[in-house]
């Protein structure tokens, strides 16, 4: 990695190569990522709570997760998977 020379007279460019980095912009990006990671952690906790609620209401959480996964798929992909699953079940005799 090459660093800019300090020959252009720029006040922001000192002897330290890192001084060429837009520190405020970098700090902003890092802080935004950290904030989103905190939100993701909080959302993960909320989702876990909802699965606990589903379980206490008598739903099979494993099946609920499978339904969620299936709903994310395109209809054609879901149909192909279901067809293959049925073919494989028949091949194995169940």
C-alpha atoms as a PDB file:
ATOM      1  CA  UNK A   1       0.000   0.000   0.000  1.00  0.00           C
ATOM      2  CA  UNK A   2       1.421   3.373  -0.877  1.00  0.00           C
ATOM      3  CA  UNK A   3       0.822   6.517   1.092  1.00  0.00           C
ATOM      4  CA  UNK A   4       0.614  10.016  -0.341  1.00  0.00           C
ATOM      5  CA  UNK A   5       3.757  12.085  -0.201  1.00  0.00           C
ATOM      6  CA  UNK A   6       3.834  15.212   1.917  1.00  0.00           C
ATOM      7  CA  UNK A   7       5.057  17.315  -1.000  1.00  0.00           C
ATOM      8  CA  UNK A   8       1.779  18.960  -1.996  1.00  0.00           C
ATOM      9  CA  UNK A   9       1.666  21.404   0.921  1.00  0.00           C
ATOM     10  CA  UNK A  10      -1.673  20.101   2.172  1.00  0.00           C
ATOM     11  CA  UNK A  11      -2.159  21.070   5.821  1.00  0.00           C
ATOM     12  CA  UNK A  12      -3.902  17.750   6.536  1.00  0.00           C
ATOM     13  CA  UNK A  13      -0.945  15.689   5.356  1.00  0.00           C
ATOM     14  CA  UNK A  14       1.689  15.356   8.082  1.00  0.00           C
ATOM     15  CA  UNK A  15       4.713  13.103   8.365  1.00  0.00           C
ATOM     16  CA  UNK A  16       2.440  10.296   9.562  1.00  0.00           C
ATOM     17  CA  UNK A  17       0.897   8.421   6.575  1.00  0.00           C
ATOM     18  CA  UNK A  18      -2.316   7.912   8.561  1.00  0.00           C
ATOM     19  CA  UNK A  19      -2.914  11.652   8.573  1.00  0.00           C
ATOM     20  CA  UNK A  20      -3.982  11.337   4.921  1.00  0.00           C
ATOM     21  CA  UNK A  21      -7.053   9.389   6.014  1.00  0.00           C
ATOM     22  CA  UNK A  22     -10.232  11.370   6.434  1.00  0.00           C
ATOM     23  CA  UNK A  23     -10.494  10.589  10.136  1.00  0.00           C
ATOM     24  CA  UNK A  24     -13.952  12.085  10.609  1.00  0.00           C
ATOM     25  CA  UNK A  25     -15.373  10.073   7.711  1.00  0.00           C
ATOM     26  CA  UNK A  26     -13.735   6.863   8.958  1.00  0.00           C
ATOM     27  CA  UNK A  27     -15.002   7.463  12.495  1.00  0.00           C
ATOM     28  CA  UNK A  28     -18.521   8.070  11.152  1.00  0.00           C
ATOM     29  CA  UNK A  29     -18.490   4.848   9.153  1.00  0.00           C
ATOM     30  CA  UNK A  30     -17.212   2.806  12.099  1.00  0.00           C
ATOM     31  CA  UNK A  31     -19.755   4.318  14.490  1.00  0.00           C
ATOM     32  CA  UNK A  32     -22.617   3.624  12.060  1.00  0.00           C
ATOM     33  CA  UNK A  33     -21.526  -0.007  11.726  1.00  0.00           C
ATOM     34  CA  UNK A  34     -21.258  -0.353  15.508  1.00  0.00           C
ATOM     35  CA  UNK A  35     -24.729   1.146  15.971  1.00  0.00           C
ATOM     36  CA  UNK A  36     -26.220  -1.267  13.413  1.00  0.00           C
ATOM     37  CA  UNK A  37     -24.484  -4.225  15.062  1.00  0.00           C
ATOM     38  CA  UNK A  38     -26.043  -3.201  18.389  1.00  0.00           C
ATOM     39  CA  UNK A  39     -29.449  -2.997  16.714  1.00  0.00           C
ATOM     40  CA  UNK A  40     -28.911  -6.423  15.133  1.00  0.00           C
ATOM     41  CA  UNK A  41     -28.094  -7.871  18.569  1.00  0.00           C
ATOM     42  CA  UNK A  42     -31.224  -6.302  20.038  1.00  0.00           C
ATOM     43  CA  UNK A  43     -33.340  -7.623  17.162  1.00  0.00           C
ATOM     44  CA  UNK A  44     -31.876 -11.084  17.675  1.00  0.00           C
ATOM     45  CA  UNK A  45     -33.023 -10.957  21.275  1.00  0.00           C
ATOM     46  CA  UNK A  46     -36.494  -9.848  20.201  1.00  0.00           C
ATOM     47  CA  UNK A  47     -36.720 -12.706  17.688  1.00  0.00           C
ATOM     48  CA  UNK A  48     -35.626 -15.185  20.350  1.00  0.00           C
ATOM     49  CA  UNK A  49     -38.382 -13.869  22.625  1.00  0.00           C
ATOM     50  CA  UNK A  50     -40.975 -14.395  19.897  1.00  0.00           C
ATOM     51  CA  UNK A  51     -39.816 -17.977  19.359  1.00  0.00           C
ATOM     52  CA  UNK A  52     -40.135 -18.533  23.110  1.00  0.00           C
ATOM     53  CA  UNK A  53     -43.653 -17.121  22.914  1.00  0.00           C
ATOM     54  CA  UNK A  54     -44.469 -19.438  19.998  1.00  0.00           C
ATOM     55  CA  UNK A  55     -43.165 -22.435  21.941  1.00  0.00           C
ATOM     56  CA  UNK A  56     -45.187 -21.534  25.028  1.00  0.00           C
ATOM     57  CA  UNK A  57     -48.279 -21.211  22.807  1.00  0.00           C
ATOM     58  CA  UNK A  58     -47.742 -24.834  21.736  1.00  0.00           C
ATOM     59  CA  UNK A  59     -46.153 -24.293  18.323  1.00  0.00           C
ATOM     60  CA  UNK A  60     -43.241 -26.421  17.181  1.00  0.00           C
ATOM     61  CA  UNK A  61     -40.432 -23.883  16.845  1.00  0.00           C
ATOM     62  CA  UNK A  62     -38.467 -26.054  14.437  1.00  0.00           C
ATOM     63  CA  UNK A  63     -41.436 -26.120  12.068  1.00  0.00           C
ATOM     64  CA  UNK A  64     -42.021 -22.383  12.494  1.00  0.00           C
ATOM     65  CA  UNK A  65     -38.389 -21.760  11.490  1.00  0.00           C
ATOM     66  CA  UNK A  66     -38.841 -24.014   8.463  1.00  0.00           C
ATOM     67  CA  UNK A  67     -41.982 -22.113   7.411  1.00  0.00           C
ATOM     68  CA  UNK A  68     -40.100 -18.812   7.705  1.00  0.00           C
ATOM     69  CA  UNK A  69     -37.276 -20.208   5.555  1.00  0.00           C
ATOM     70  CA  UNK A  70     -39.758 -21.448   2.952  1.00  0.00           C
ATOM     71  CA  UNK A  71     -41.570 -18.102   2.823  1.00  0.00           C
ATOM     72  CA  UNK A  72     -38.284 -16.386   1.949  1.00  0.00           C
ATOM     73  CA  UNK A  73     -37.862 -18.581  -1.130  1.00  0.00           C
ATOM     74  CA  UNK A  74     -39.174 -17.808  -4.577  1.00  0.00           C
ATOM     75  CA  UNK A  75     -42.262 -19.908  -5.367  1.00  0.00           C
ATOM     76  CA  UNK A  76     -40.458 -21.782  -8.151  1.00  0.00           C
ATOM     77  CA  UNK A  77     -37.535 -22.652  -5.887  1.00  0.00           C
ATOM     78  CA  UNK A  78     -39.857 -23.759  -3.106  1.00  0.00           C
ATOM     79  CA  UNK A  79     -41.862 -25.954  -5.513  1.00  0.00           C
ATOM     80  CA  UNK A  80     -38.681 -27.531  -6.892  1.00  0.00           C
ATOM     81  CA  UNK A  81     -37.426 -28.282  -3.376  1.00  0.00           C
ATOM     82  CA  UNK A  82     -40.745 -29.812  -2.352  1.00  0.00           C
ATOM     83  CA  UNK A  83     -40.832 -31.943  -5.517  1.00  0.00           C
ATOM     84  CA  UNK A  84     -37.306 -33.216  -4.925  1.00  0.00           C
ATOM     85  CA  UNK A  85     -38.069 -33.906  -1.290  1.00  0.00           C
ATOM     86  CA  UNK A  86     -41.075 -36.008  -2.316  1.00  0.00           C
ATOM     87  CA  UNK A  87     -39.018 -37.883  -4.928  1.00  0.00           C
ATOM     88  CA  UNK A  88     -36.305 -38.614  -2.360  1.00  0.00           C
ATOM     89  CA  UNK A  89     -38.874 -39.774   0.203  1.00  0.00           C
ATOM     90  CA  UNK A  90     -40.408 -42.186  -2.271  1.00  0.00           C
ATOM     91  CA  UNK A  91     -36.958 -43.474  -3.274  1.00  0.00           C
ATOM     92  CA  UNK A  92     -36.244 -44.228   0.383  1.00  0.00           C
ATOM     93  CA  UNK A  93     -39.660 -45.766   0.991  1.00  0.00           C
ATOM     94  CA  UNK A  94     -41.242 -43.283   3.364  1.00  0.00           C
END
